Amino acid sequence: MVNGYLLLSLAGREYFAVFALLAGTMKSLFILDKVATRNIDRIEKMHDGACIGSVYSIRTWLLVICMIALGRFLRRSVLPGEYIGTIYLLVGWGLFLSSRLMWRVWIQGRKE
């Protein structure tokens, strides 16, 4: 997210951050929260000693691979910095916002 905002500031397009944050919030609420909830349920059903790779489903691992590939593509692309910065900020904010679900479960579990 920091790199995204820096790219926007270098291009003098800080106002693109408003769009990125709004779109990232929508992505979080309508897409990523569902994925996070499924992952939380999956983790809670796991037994101690389970393989760390089994924390996520095959579908989620494929999503991670796609995000890595997109990130590498963007880094090497010839798109203007303000577009790349907007995408970085949008995706980063969406992931950060949806992580609240896992943090909530983890904190509540520690208090019990």
PDB file of N, CA and C in Angstrom:
ATOM      1  N   MET A   1       0.822  -1.176   0.000  1.00  0.00           N
ATOM      2  CA  MET A   1       0.000   0.000   0.000  1.00  0.00           C
ATOM      3  C   MET A   1       0.872   1.248   0.000  1.00  0.00           C
ATOM      4  N   VAL A   2       1.976   1.173   0.727  1.00  0.00           N
ATOM      5  CA  VAL A   2       2.886   2.318   0.773  1.00  0.00           C
ATOM      6  C   VAL A   2       3.474   2.569  -0.613  1.00  0.00           C
ATOM      7  N   ASN A   3       3.911   1.504  -1.273  1.00  0.00           N
ATOM      8  CA  ASN A   3       4.467   1.669  -2.626  1.00  0.00           C
ATOM      9  C   ASN A   3       3.418   2.237  -3.573  1.00  0.00           C
ATOM     10  N   GLY A   4       2.194   1.798  -3.449  1.00  0.00           N
ATOM     11  CA  GLY A   4       1.122   2.315  -4.284  1.00  0.00           C
ATOM     12  C   GLY A   4       0.927   3.796  -4.076  1.00  0.00           C
ATOM     13  N   TYR A   5       0.879   4.215  -2.808  1.00  0.00           N
ATOM     14  CA  TYR A   5       0.695   5.644  -2.543  1.00  0.00           C
ATOM     15  C   TYR A   5       1.898   6.449  -3.006  1.00  0.00           C
ATOM     16  N   LEU A   6       3.092   5.898  -2.841  1.00  0.00           N
ATOM     17  CA  LEU A   6       4.282   6.613  -3.315  1.00  0.00           C
ATOM     18  C   LEU A   6       4.253   6.803  -4.828  1.00  0.00           C
ATOM     19  N   LEU A   7       3.823   5.769  -5.545  1.00  0.00           N
ATOM     20  CA  LEU A   7       3.700   5.906  -7.000  1.00  0.00           C
ATOM     21  C   LEU A   7       2.670   6.973  -7.364  1.00  0.00           C
ATOM     22  N   LEU A   8       1.576   7.024  -6.622  1.00  0.00           N
ATOM     23  CA  LEU A   8       0.568   8.058  -6.879  1.00  0.00           C
ATOM     24  C   LEU A   8       1.117   9.448  -6.579  1.00  0.00           C
ATOM     25  N   SER A   9       1.855   9.589  -5.471  1.00  0.00           N
ATOM     26  CA  SER A   9       2.407  10.911  -5.146  1.00  0.00           C
ATOM     27  C   SER A   9       3.460  11.352  -6.139  1.00  0.00           C
ATOM     28  N   LEU A  10       4.298  10.430  -6.586  1.00  0.00           N
ATOM     29  CA  LEU A  10       5.321  10.800  -7.573  1.00  0.00           C
ATOM     30  C   LEU A  10       4.683  11.293  -8.873  1.00  0.00           C
ATOM     31  N   ALA A  11       3.515  10.754  -9.201  1.00  0.00           N
ATOM     32  CA  ALA A  11       2.816  11.161 -10.419  1.00  0.00           C
ATOM     33  C   ALA A  11       1.924  12.382 -10.158  1.00  0.00           C
ATOM     34  N   GLY A  12       1.851  12.839  -8.904  1.00  0.00           N
ATOM     35  CA  GLY A  12       0.991  13.964  -8.574  1.00  0.00           C
ATOM     36  C   GLY A  12      -0.489  13.619  -8.638  1.00  0.00           C
ATOM     37  N   ARG A  13      -0.813  12.361  -8.438  1.00  0.00           N
ATOM     38  CA  ARG A  13      -2.203  11.894  -8.536  1.00  0.00           C
ATOM     39  C   ARG A  13      -2.685  11.279  -7.221  1.00  0.00           C
ATOM     40  N   GLU A  14      -2.409  11.940  -6.119  1.00  0.00           N
ATOM     41  CA  GLU A  14      -2.815  11.410  -4.813  1.00  0.00           C
ATOM     42  C   GLU A  14      -4.316  11.173  -4.736  1.00  0.00           C
ATOM     43  N   TYR A  15      -5.084  11.953  -5.490  1.00  0.00           N
ATOM     44  CA  TYR A  15      -6.543  11.807  -5.445  1.00  0.00           C
ATOM     45  C   TYR A  15      -7.010  10.468  -5.998  1.00  0.00           C
ATOM     46  N   PHE A  16      -6.168   9.741  -6.749  1.00  0.00           N
ATOM     47  CA  PHE A  16      -6.508   8.388  -7.200  1.00  0.00           C
ATOM     48  C   PHE A  16      -6.663   7.451  -5.997  1.00  0.00           C
ATOM     49  N   ALA A  17      -6.047   7.826  -4.871  1.00  0.00           N
ATOM     50  CA  ALA A  17      -6.120   6.991  -3.667  1.00  0.00           C
ATOM     51  C   ALA A  17      -7.560   6.867  -3.176  1.00  0.00           C
ATOM     52  N   VAL A  18      -8.376   7.895  -3.382  1.00  0.00           N
ATOM     53  CA  VAL A  18      -9.781   7.832  -2.957  1.00  0.00           C
ATOM     54  C   VAL A  18     -10.493   6.705  -3.702  1.00  0.00           C
ATOM     55  N   PHE A  19     -10.312   6.650  -5.017  1.00  0.00           N
ATOM     56  CA  PHE A  19     -10.906   5.566  -5.801  1.00  0.00           C
ATOM     57  C   PHE A  19     -10.374   4.220  -5.335  1.00  0.00           C
ATOM     58  N   ALA A  20      -9.058   4.125  -5.135  1.00  0.00           N
ATOM     59  CA  ALA A  20      -8.443   2.852  -4.734  1.00  0.00           C
ATOM     60  C   ALA A  20      -9.000   2.376  -3.406  1.00  0.00           C
ATOM     61  N   LEU A  21      -9.153   3.280  -2.443  1.00  0.00           N
ATOM     62  CA  LEU A  21      -9.672   2.885  -1.129  1.00  0.00           C
ATOM     63  C   LEU A  21     -11.142   2.481  -1.206  1.00  0.00           C
ATOM     64  N   LEU A  22     -11.929   3.199  -1.987  1.00  0.00           N
ATOM     65  CA  LEU A  22     -13.343   2.823  -2.141  1.00  0.00           C
ATOM     66  C   LEU A  22     -13.480   1.471  -2.842  1.00  0.00           C
ATOM     67  N   ALA A  23     -12.751   1.281  -3.933  1.00  0.00           N
ATOM     68  CA  ALA A  23     -12.821   0.020  -4.666  1.00  0.00           C
ATOM     69  C   ALA A  23     -12.261  -1.131  -3.823  1.00  0.00           C
ATOM     70  N   GLY A  24     -11.191  -0.872  -3.080  1.00  0.00           N
ATOM     71  CA  GLY A  24     -10.619  -1.896  -2.204  1.00  0.00           C
ATOM     72  C   GLY A  24     -11.578  -2.292  -1.093  1.00  0.00           C
ATOM     73  N   THR A  25     -12.327  -1.319  -0.578  1.00  0.00           N
ATOM     74  CA  THR A  25     -13.325  -1.606   0.446  1.00  0.00           C
ATOM     75  C   THR A  25     -14.428  -2.483  -0.134  1.00  0.00           C
ATOM     76  N   MET A  26     -14.886  -2.159  -1.323  1.00  0.00           N
ATOM     77  CA  MET A  26     -15.928  -2.966  -1.970  1.00  0.00           C
ATOM     78  C   MET A  26     -15.419  -4.389  -2.231  1.00  0.00           C
ATOM     79  N   LYS A  27     -14.183  -4.505  -2.703  1.00  0.00           N
ATOM     80  CA  LYS A  27     -13.604  -5.829  -2.957  1.00  0.00           C
ATOM     81  C   LYS A  27     -13.529  -6.627  -1.656  1.00  0.00           C
ATOM     82  N   SER A  28     -13.129  -5.954  -0.590  1.00  0.00           N
ATOM     83  CA  SER A  28     -13.031  -6.618   0.703  1.00  0.00           C
ATOM     84  C   SER A  28     -14.383  -7.114   1.174  1.00  0.00           C
ATOM     85  N   LEU A  29     -15.379  -6.229   1.148  1.00  0.00           N
ATOM     86  CA  LEU A  29     -16.693  -6.564   1.705  1.00  0.00           C
ATOM     87  C   LEU A  29     -17.445  -7.599   0.883  1.00  0.00           C
ATOM     88  N   PHE A  30     -17.308  -7.560  -0.440  1.00  0.00           N
ATOM     89  CA  PHE A  30     -18.121  -8.431  -1.283  1.00  0.00           C
ATOM     90  C   PHE A  30     -17.404  -9.681  -1.794  1.00  0.00           C
ATOM     91  N   ILE A  31     -16.071  -9.705  -1.737  1.00  0.00           N
ATOM     92  CA  ILE A  31     -15.338 -10.869  -2.256  1.00  0.00           C
ATOM     93  C   ILE A  31     -14.422 -11.474  -1.193  1.00  0.00           C
ATOM     94  N   LEU A  32     -13.487 -10.677  -0.699  1.00  0.00           N
ATOM     95  CA  LEU A  32     -12.448 -11.218   0.175  1.00  0.00           C
ATOM     96  C   LEU A  32     -12.965 -11.653   1.539  1.00  0.00           C
ATOM     97  N   ASP A  33     -14.004 -10.989   2.053  1.00  0.00           N
ATOM     98  CA  ASP A  33     -14.556 -11.415   3.342  1.00  0.00           C
ATOM     99  C   ASP A  33     -15.104 -12.847   3.268  1.00  0.00           C
ATOM    100  N   LYS A  34     -15.699 -13.204   2.142  1.00  0.00           N
ATOM    101  CA  LYS A  34     -16.219 -14.568   1.970  1.00  0.00           C
ATOM    102  C   LYS A  34     -15.071 -15.575   1.973  1.00  0.00           C
ATOM    103  N   VAL A  35     -13.996 -15.237   1.278  1.00  0.00           N
ATOM    104  CA  VAL A  35     -12.823 -16.120   1.236  1.00  0.00           C
ATOM    105  C   VAL A  35     -12.216 -16.232   2.633  1.00  0.00           C
ATOM    106  N   ALA A  36     -12.094 -15.113   3.331  1.00  0.00           N
ATOM    107  CA  ALA A  36     -11.515 -15.125   4.681  1.00  0.00           C
ATOM    108  C   ALA A  36     -12.370 -15.952   5.630  1.00  0.00           C
ATOM    109  N   THR A  37     -13.683 -15.821   5.535  1.00  0.00           N
ATOM    110  CA  THR A  37     -14.581 -16.592   6.404  1.00  0.00           C
ATOM    111  C   THR A  37     -14.439 -18.089   6.153  1.00  0.00           C
ATOM    112  N   ARG A  38     -14.365 -18.474   4.882  1.00  0.00           N
ATOM    113  CA  ARG A  38     -14.158 -19.903   4.568  1.00  0.00           C
ATOM    114  C   ARG A  38     -12.826 -20.388   5.122  1.00  0.00           C
ATOM    115  N   ASN A  39     -11.782 -19.564   5.011  1.00  0.00           N
ATOM    116  CA  ASN A  39     -10.470 -19.967   5.529  1.00  0.00           C
ATOM    117  C   ASN A  39     -10.477 -20.073   7.051  1.00  0.00           C
ATOM    118  N   ILE A  40     -11.169 -19.159   7.706  1.00  0.00           N
ATOM    119  CA  ILE A  40     -11.268 -19.219   9.173  1.00  0.00           C
ATOM    120  C   ILE A  40     -11.961 -20.510   9.590  1.00  0.00           C
ATOM    121  N   ASP A  41     -13.064 -20.823   8.933  1.00  0.00           N
ATOM    122  CA  ASP A  41     -13.777 -22.073   9.250  1.00  0.00           C
ATOM    123  C   ASP A  41     -12.885 -23.282   9.019  1.00  0.00           C
ATOM    124  N   ARG A  42     -12.142 -23.261   7.927  1.00  0.00           N
ATOM    125  CA  ARG A  42     -11.250 -24.377   7.596  1.00  0.00           C
ATOM    126  C   ARG A  42     -10.168 -24.539   8.663  1.00  0.00           C
ATOM    127  N   ILE A  43      -9.569 -23.430   9.083  1.00  0.00           N
ATOM    128  CA  ILE A  43      -8.500 -23.476  10.085  1.00  0.00           C
ATOM    129  C   ILE A  43      -9.049 -23.961  11.426  1.00  0.00           C
ATOM    130  N   GLU A  44     -10.244 -23.479  11.805  1.00  0.00           N
ATOM    131  CA  GLU A  44     -10.821 -23.885  13.082  1.00  0.00           C
ATOM    132  C   GLU A  44     -11.134 -25.379  13.127  1.00  0.00           C
ATOM    133  N   LYS A  45     -11.393 -25.996  11.982  1.00  0.00           N
ATOM    134  CA  LYS A  45     -11.704 -27.426  11.931  1.00  0.00           C
ATOM    135  C   LYS A  45     -10.455 -28.300  11.889  1.00  0.00           C
ATOM    136  N   MET A  46      -9.289 -27.683  11.673  1.00  0.00           N
ATOM    137  CA  MET A  46      -8.051 -28.457  11.560  1.00  0.00           C
ATOM    138  C   MET A  46      -7.601 -28.977  12.925  1.00  0.00           C
ATOM    139  N   HIS A  47      -6.893 -30.075  12.890  1.00  0.00           N
ATOM    140  CA  HIS A  47      -6.322 -30.655  14.101  1.00  0.00           C
ATOM    141  C   HIS A  47      -4.879 -30.196  14.237  1.00  0.00           C
ATOM    142  N   ASP A  48      -4.373 -30.216  15.463  1.00  0.00           N
ATOM    143  CA  ASP A  48      -2.961 -29.887  15.680  1.00  0.00           C
ATOM    144  C   ASP A  48      -2.093 -30.855  14.896  1.00  0.00           C
ATOM    145  N   GLY A  49      -0.999 -30.347  14.377  1.00  0.00           N
ATOM    146  CA  GLY A  49      -0.073 -31.179  13.628  1.00  0.00           C
ATOM    147  C   GLY A  49      -0.410 -31.284  12.148  1.00  0.00           C
ATOM    148  N   ALA A  50      -1.421 -30.553  11.689  1.00  0.00           N
ATOM    149  CA  ALA A  50      -1.782 -30.585  10.267  1.00  0.00           C
ATOM    150  C   ALA A  50      -0.711 -29.870   9.450  1.00  0.00           C
ATOM    151  N   CYS A  51      -0.601 -30.251   8.220  1.00  0.00           N
ATOM    152  CA  CYS A  51       0.371 -29.634   7.309  1.00  0.00           C
ATOM    153  C   CYS A  51       0.036 -28.153   7.137  1.00  0.00           C
ATOM    154  N   ILE A  52       1.046 -27.304   7.194  1.00  0.00           N
ATOM    155  CA  ILE A  52       0.803 -25.861   7.070  1.00  0.00           C
ATOM    156  C   ILE A  52       0.224 -25.502   5.704  1.00  0.00           C
ATOM    157  N   GLY A  53       0.536 -26.273   4.688  1.00  0.00           N
ATOM    158  CA  GLY A  53      -0.005 -26.013   3.355  1.00  0.00           C
ATOM    159  C   GLY A  53      -1.497 -26.274   3.264  1.00  0.00           C
ATOM    160  N   SER A  54      -2.030 -27.056   4.205  1.00  0.00           N
ATOM    161  CA  SER A  54      -3.459 -27.363   4.167  1.00  0.00           C
ATOM    162  C   SER A  54      -4.313 -26.281   4.829  1.00  0.00           C
ATOM    163  N   VAL A  55      -3.680 -25.224   5.297  1.00  0.00           N
ATOM    164  CA  VAL A  55      -4.420 -24.117   5.895  1.00  0.00           C
ATOM    165  C   VAL A  55      -5.385 -23.519   4.870  1.00  0.00           C
ATOM    166  N   TYR A  56      -4.966 -23.443   3.630  1.00  0.00           N
ATOM    167  CA  TYR A  56      -5.803 -22.884   2.569  1.00  0.00           C
ATOM    168  C   TYR A  56      -6.196 -23.979   1.584  1.00  0.00           C
ATOM    169  N   SER A  57      -7.327 -23.777   0.938  1.00  0.00           N
ATOM    170  CA  SER A  57      -7.798 -24.733  -0.067  1.00  0.00           C
ATOM    171  C   SER A  57      -6.981 -24.568  -1.357  1.00  0.00           C
ATOM    172  N   ILE A  58      -7.110 -25.523  -2.245  1.00  0.00           N
ATOM    173  CA  ILE A  58      -6.432 -25.450  -3.543  1.00  0.00           C
ATOM    174  C   ILE A  58      -6.859 -24.181  -4.276  1.00  0.00           C
ATOM    175  N   ARG A  59      -8.152 -23.877  -4.209  1.00  0.00           N
ATOM    176  CA  ARG A  59      -8.663 -22.669  -4.878  1.00  0.00           C
ATOM    177  C   ARG A  59      -7.978 -21.406  -4.352  1.00  0.00           C
ATOM    178  N   THR A  60      -7.794 -21.323  -3.032  1.00  0.00           N
ATOM    179  CA  THR A  60      -7.133 -20.154  -2.444  1.00  0.00           C
ATOM    180  C   THR A  60      -5.671 -20.100  -2.855  1.00  0.00           C
ATOM    181  N   TRP A  61      -4.997 -21.245  -2.876  1.00  0.00           N
ATOM    182  CA  TRP A  61      -3.600 -21.267  -3.312  1.00  0.00           C
ATOM    183  C   TRP A  61      -3.485 -20.804  -4.763  1.00  0.00           C
ATOM    184  N   LEU A  62      -4.445 -21.199  -5.610  1.00  0.00           N
ATOM    185  CA  LEU A  62      -4.444 -20.740  -7.001  1.00  0.00           C
ATOM    186  C   LEU A  62      -4.638 -19.220  -7.071  1.00  0.00           C
ATOM    187  N   LEU A  63      -5.498 -18.691  -6.207  1.00  0.00           N
ATOM    188  CA  LEU A  63      -5.693 -17.244  -6.139  1.00  0.00           C
ATOM    189  C   LEU A  63      -4.398 -16.535  -5.735  1.00  0.00           C
ATOM    190  N   VAL A  64      -3.699 -17.093  -4.771  1.00  0.00           N
ATOM    191  CA  VAL A  64      -2.419 -16.522  -4.332  1.00  0.00           C
ATOM    192  C   VAL A  64      -1.414 -16.516  -5.485  1.00  0.00           C
ATOM    193  N   ILE A  65      -1.336 -17.626  -6.205  1.00  0.00           N
ATOM    194  CA  ILE A  65      -0.414 -17.715  -7.348  1.00  0.00           C
ATOM    195  C   ILE A  65      -0.775 -16.677  -8.402  1.00  0.00           C
ATOM    196  N   CYS A  66      -2.070 -16.523  -8.672  1.00  0.00           N
ATOM    197  CA  CYS A  66      -2.504 -15.510  -9.652  1.00  0.00           C
ATOM    198  C   CYS A  66      -2.141 -14.102  -9.200  1.00  0.00           C
ATOM    199  N   MET A  67      -2.303 -13.817  -7.899  1.00  0.00           N
ATOM    200  CA  MET A  67      -1.960 -12.484  -7.392  1.00  0.00           C
ATOM    201  C   MET A  67      -0.455 -12.231  -7.497  1.00  0.00           C
ATOM    202  N   ILE A  68       0.340 -13.245  -7.232  1.00  0.00           N
ATOM    203  CA  ILE A  68       1.787 -13.097  -7.368  1.00  0.00           C
ATOM    204  C   ILE A  68       2.154 -12.823  -8.820  1.00  0.00           C
ATOM    205  N   ALA A  69       1.553 -13.589  -9.725  1.00  0.00           N
ATOM    206  CA  ALA A  69       1.831 -13.399 -11.164  1.00  0.00           C
ATOM    207  C   ALA A  69       1.399 -12.013 -11.623  1.00  0.00           C
ATOM    208  N   LEU A  70       0.235 -11.553 -11.168  1.00  0.00           N
ATOM    209  CA  LEU A  70      -0.219 -10.214 -11.545  1.00  0.00           C
ATOM    210  C   LEU A  70       0.724  -9.148 -11.001  1.00  0.00           C
ATOM    211  N   GLY A  71       1.171  -9.325  -9.780  1.00  0.00           N
ATOM    212  CA  GLY A  71       2.116  -8.371  -9.193  1.00  0.00           C
ATOM    213  C   GLY A  71       3.418  -8.303  -9.976  1.00  0.00           C
ATOM    214  N   ARG A  72       3.931  -9.454 -10.375  1.00  0.00           N
ATOM    215  CA  ARG A  72       5.174  -9.473 -11.158  1.00  0.00           C
ATOM    216  C   ARG A  72       4.946  -8.838 -12.529  1.00  0.00           C
ATOM    217  N   PHE A  73       3.791  -9.119 -13.136  1.00  0.00           N
ATOM    218  CA  PHE A  73       3.463  -8.520 -14.426  1.00  0.00           C
ATOM    219  C   PHE A  73       3.390  -6.991 -14.307  1.00  0.00           C
ATOM    220  N   LEU A  74       2.714  -6.513 -13.277  1.00  0.00           N
ATOM    221  CA  LEU A  74       2.576  -5.066 -13.096  1.00  0.00           C
ATOM    222  C   LEU A  74       3.931  -4.397 -12.885  1.00  0.00           C
ATOM    223  N   ARG A  75       4.781  -5.053 -12.123  1.00  0.00           N
ATOM    224  CA  ARG A  75       6.098  -4.480 -11.843  1.00  0.00           C
ATOM    225  C   ARG A  75       6.910  -4.291 -13.124  1.00  0.00           C
ATOM    226  N   ARG A  76       6.708  -5.170 -14.094  1.00  0.00           N
ATOM    227  CA  ARG A  76       7.472  -5.110 -15.346  1.00  0.00           C
ATOM    228  C   ARG A  76       6.711  -4.410 -16.483  1.00  0.00           C
ATOM    229  N   SER A  77       5.472  -4.021 -16.221  1.00  0.00           N
ATOM    230  CA  SER A  77       4.653  -3.447 -17.288  1.00  0.00           C
ATOM    231  C   SER A  77       5.068  -2.007 -17.599  1.00  0.00           C
ATOM    232  N   VAL A  78       4.534  -1.523 -18.690  1.00  0.00           N
ATOM    233  CA  VAL A  78       4.822  -0.143 -19.110  1.00  0.00           C
ATOM    234  C   VAL A  78       3.656   0.790 -18.762  1.00  0.00           C
ATOM    235  N   LEU A  79       2.745   0.297 -17.920  1.00  0.00           N
ATOM    236  CA  LEU A  79       1.637   1.142 -17.491  1.00  0.00           C
ATOM    237  C   LEU A  79       2.171   2.334 -16.699  1.00  0.00           C
ATOM    238  N   PRO A  80       1.504   3.469 -16.792  1.00  0.00           N
ATOM    239  CA  PRO A  80       1.926   4.630 -15.998  1.00  0.00           C
ATOM    240  C   PRO A  80       1.871   4.324 -14.501  1.00  0.00           C
ATOM    241  N   GLY A  81       2.760   4.942 -13.763  1.00  0.00           N
ATOM    242  CA  GLY A  81       2.881   4.705 -12.326  1.00  0.00           C
ATOM    243  C   GLY A  81       1.611   4.947 -11.550  1.00  0.00           C
ATOM    244  N   GLU A  82       0.799   5.922 -11.988  1.00  0.00           N
ATOM    245  CA  GLU A  82      -0.425   6.188 -11.234  1.00  0.00           C
ATOM    246  C   GLU A  82      -1.428   5.038 -11.335  1.00  0.00           C
ATOM    247  N   TYR A  83      -1.411   4.304 -12.444  1.00  0.00           N
ATOM    248  CA  TYR A  83      -2.307   3.146 -12.572  1.00  0.00           C
ATOM    249  C   TYR A  83      -1.804   1.974 -11.742  1.00  0.00           C
ATOM    250  N   ILE A  84      -0.523   1.755 -11.803  1.00  0.00           N
ATOM    251  CA  ILE A  84       0.065   0.679 -10.991  1.00  0.00           C
ATOM    252  C   ILE A  84      -0.121   0.990  -9.507  1.00  0.00           C
ATOM    253  N   GLY A  85       0.122   2.231  -9.128  1.00  0.00           N
ATOM    254  CA  GLY A  85      -0.060   2.645  -7.734  1.00  0.00           C
ATOM    255  C   GLY A  85      -1.496   2.463  -7.269  1.00  0.00           C
ATOM    256  N   THR A  86      -2.445   2.776  -8.138  1.00  0.00           N
ATOM    257  CA  THR A  86      -3.858   2.608  -7.796  1.00  0.00           C
ATOM    258  C   THR A  86      -4.181   1.135  -7.569  1.00  0.00           C
ATOM    259  N   ILE A  87      -3.668   0.272  -8.430  1.00  0.00           N
ATOM    260  CA  ILE A  87      -3.912  -1.171  -8.282  1.00  0.00           C
ATOM    261  C   ILE A  87      -3.265  -1.691  -7.003  1.00  0.00           C
ATOM    262  N   TYR A  88      -2.026  -1.278  -6.742  1.00  0.00           N
ATOM    263  CA  TYR A  88      -1.354  -1.712  -5.518  1.00  0.00           C
ATOM    264  C   TYR A  88      -2.150  -1.302  -4.279  1.00  0.00           C
ATOM    265  N   LEU A  89      -2.589  -0.057  -4.264  1.00  0.00           N
ATOM    266  CA  LEU A  89      -3.325   0.445  -3.107  1.00  0.00           C
ATOM    267  C   LEU A  89      -4.678  -0.237  -2.980  1.00  0.00           C
ATOM    268  N   LEU A  90      -5.377  -0.440  -4.077  1.00  0.00           N
ATOM    269  CA  LEU A  90      -6.680  -1.100  -4.083  1.00  0.00           C
ATOM    270  C   LEU A  90      -6.563  -2.522  -3.533  1.00  0.00           C
ATOM    271  N   VAL A  91      -5.644  -3.297  -4.073  1.00  0.00           N
ATOM    272  CA  VAL A  91      -5.485  -4.694  -3.651  1.00  0.00           C
ATOM    273  C   VAL A  91      -4.978  -4.767  -2.210  1.00  0.00           C
ATOM    274  N   GLY A  92      -4.001  -3.950  -1.882  1.00  0.00           N
ATOM    275  CA  GLY A  92      -3.448  -3.954  -0.525  1.00  0.00           C
ATOM    276  C   GLY A  92      -4.488  -3.592   0.519  1.00  0.00           C
ATOM    277  N   TRP A  93      -5.275  -2.550   0.240  1.00  0.00           N
ATOM    278  CA  TRP A  93      -6.309  -2.139   1.187  1.00  0.00           C
ATOM    279  C   TRP A  93      -7.380  -3.225   1.330  1.00  0.00           C
ATOM    280  N   GLY A  94      -7.782  -3.833   0.232  1.00  0.00           N
ATOM    281  CA  GLY A  94      -8.781  -4.898   0.304  1.00  0.00           C
ATOM    282  C   GLY A  94      -8.307  -6.059   1.165  1.00  0.00           C
ATOM    283  N   LEU A  95      -7.067  -6.481   0.970  1.00  0.00           N
ATOM    284  CA  LEU A  95      -6.513  -7.585   1.770  1.00  0.00           C
ATOM    285  C   LEU A  95      -6.377  -7.189   3.241  1.00  0.00           C
ATOM    286  N   PHE A  96      -5.899  -5.984   3.467  1.00  0.00           N
ATOM    287  CA  PHE A  96      -5.730  -5.489   4.843  1.00  0.00           C
ATOM    288  C   PHE A  96      -7.074  -5.428   5.563  1.00  0.00           C
ATOM    289  N   LEU A  97      -8.084  -4.882   4.908  1.00  0.00           N
ATOM    290  CA  LEU A  97      -9.392  -4.737   5.527  1.00  0.00           C
ATOM    291  C   LEU A  97     -10.009  -6.103   5.836  1.00  0.00           C
ATOM    292  N   SER A  98      -9.885  -7.058   4.933  1.00  0.00           N
ATOM    293  CA  SER A  98     -10.450  -8.387   5.182  1.00  0.00           C
ATOM    294  C   SER A  98      -9.678  -9.156   6.248  1.00  0.00           C
ATOM    295  N   SER A  99      -8.438  -8.782   6.488  1.00  0.00           N
ATOM    296  CA  SER A  99      -7.664  -9.478   7.524  1.00  0.00           C
ATOM    297  C   SER A  99      -8.253  -9.238   8.916  1.00  0.00           C
ATOM    298  N   ARG A 100      -9.118  -8.227   9.040  1.00  0.00           N
ATOM    299  CA  ARG A 100      -9.739  -7.944  10.331  1.00  0.00           C
ATOM    300  C   ARG A 100     -10.521  -9.151  10.853  1.00  0.00           C
ATOM    301  N   LEU A 101     -11.062  -9.958   9.942  1.00  0.00           N
ATOM    302  CA  LEU A 101     -11.842 -11.121  10.364  1.00  0.00           C
ATOM    303  C   LEU A 101     -10.969 -12.145  11.080  1.00  0.00           C
ATOM    304  N   MET A 102      -9.805 -12.409  10.531  1.00  0.00           N
ATOM    305  CA  MET A 102      -8.881 -13.361  11.156  1.00  0.00           C
ATOM    306  C   MET A 102      -8.342 -12.799  12.465  1.00  0.00           C
ATOM    307  N   TRP A 103      -8.011 -11.511  12.484  1.00  0.00           N
ATOM    308  CA  TRP A 103      -7.510 -10.895  13.715  1.00  0.00           C
ATOM    309  C   TRP A 103      -8.560 -10.969  14.819  1.00  0.00           C
ATOM    310  N   ARG A 104      -9.823 -10.743  14.470  1.00  0.00           N
ATOM    311  CA  ARG A 104     -10.899 -10.789  15.462  1.00  0.00           C
ATOM    312  C   ARG A 104     -10.991 -12.171  16.092  1.00  0.00           C
ATOM    313  N   VAL A 105     -10.953 -13.211  15.272  1.00  0.00           N
ATOM    314  CA  VAL A 105     -11.023 -14.583  15.785  1.00  0.00           C
ATOM    315  C   VAL A 105      -9.801 -14.888  16.646  1.00  0.00           C
ATOM    316  N   TRP A 106      -8.631 -14.454  16.203  1.00  0.00           N
ATOM    317  CA  TRP A 106      -7.398 -14.727  16.950  1.00  0.00           C
ATOM    318  C   TRP A 106      -7.403 -14.029  18.309  1.00  0.00           C
ATOM    319  N   ILE A 107      -7.834 -12.773  18.334  1.00  0.00           N
ATOM    320  CA  ILE A 107      -7.857 -12.020  19.601  1.00  0.00           C
ATOM    321  C   ILE A 107      -8.907 -12.596  20.542  1.00  0.00           C
ATOM    322  N   GLN A 108     -10.081 -12.928  20.037  1.00  0.00           N
ATOM    323  CA  GLN A 108     -11.120 -13.514  20.879  1.00  0.00           C
ATOM    324  C   GLN A 108     -10.689 -14.868  21.435  1.00  0.00           C
ATOM    325  N   GLY A 109      -9.969 -15.632  20.619  1.00  0.00           N
ATOM    326  CA  GLY A 109      -9.480 -16.940  21.073  1.00  0.00           C
ATOM    327  C   GLY A 109      -8.459 -16.822  22.183  1.00  0.00           C
ATOM    328  N   ARG A 110      -7.663 -15.762  22.175  1.00  0.00           N
ATOM    329  CA  ARG A 110      -6.644 -15.563  23.213  1.00  0.00           C
ATOM    330  C   ARG A 110      -7.263 -15.162  24.524  1.00  0.00           C
ATOM    331  N   LYS A 111      -8.408 -14.471  24.501  1.00  0.00           N
ATOM    332  CA  LYS A 111      -9.046 -14.003  25.727  1.00  0.00           C
ATOM    333  C   LYS A 111      -9.763 -15.134  26.464  1.00  0.00           C
ATOM    334  N   GLU A 112     -10.149 -16.185  25.730  1.00  0.00           N
ATOM    335  CA  GLU A 112     -10.932 -17.275  26.355  1.00  0.00           C
ATOM    336  C   GLU A 112     -10.069 -18.204  27.146  1.00  0.00           C
TER     337      GLU A 112
END
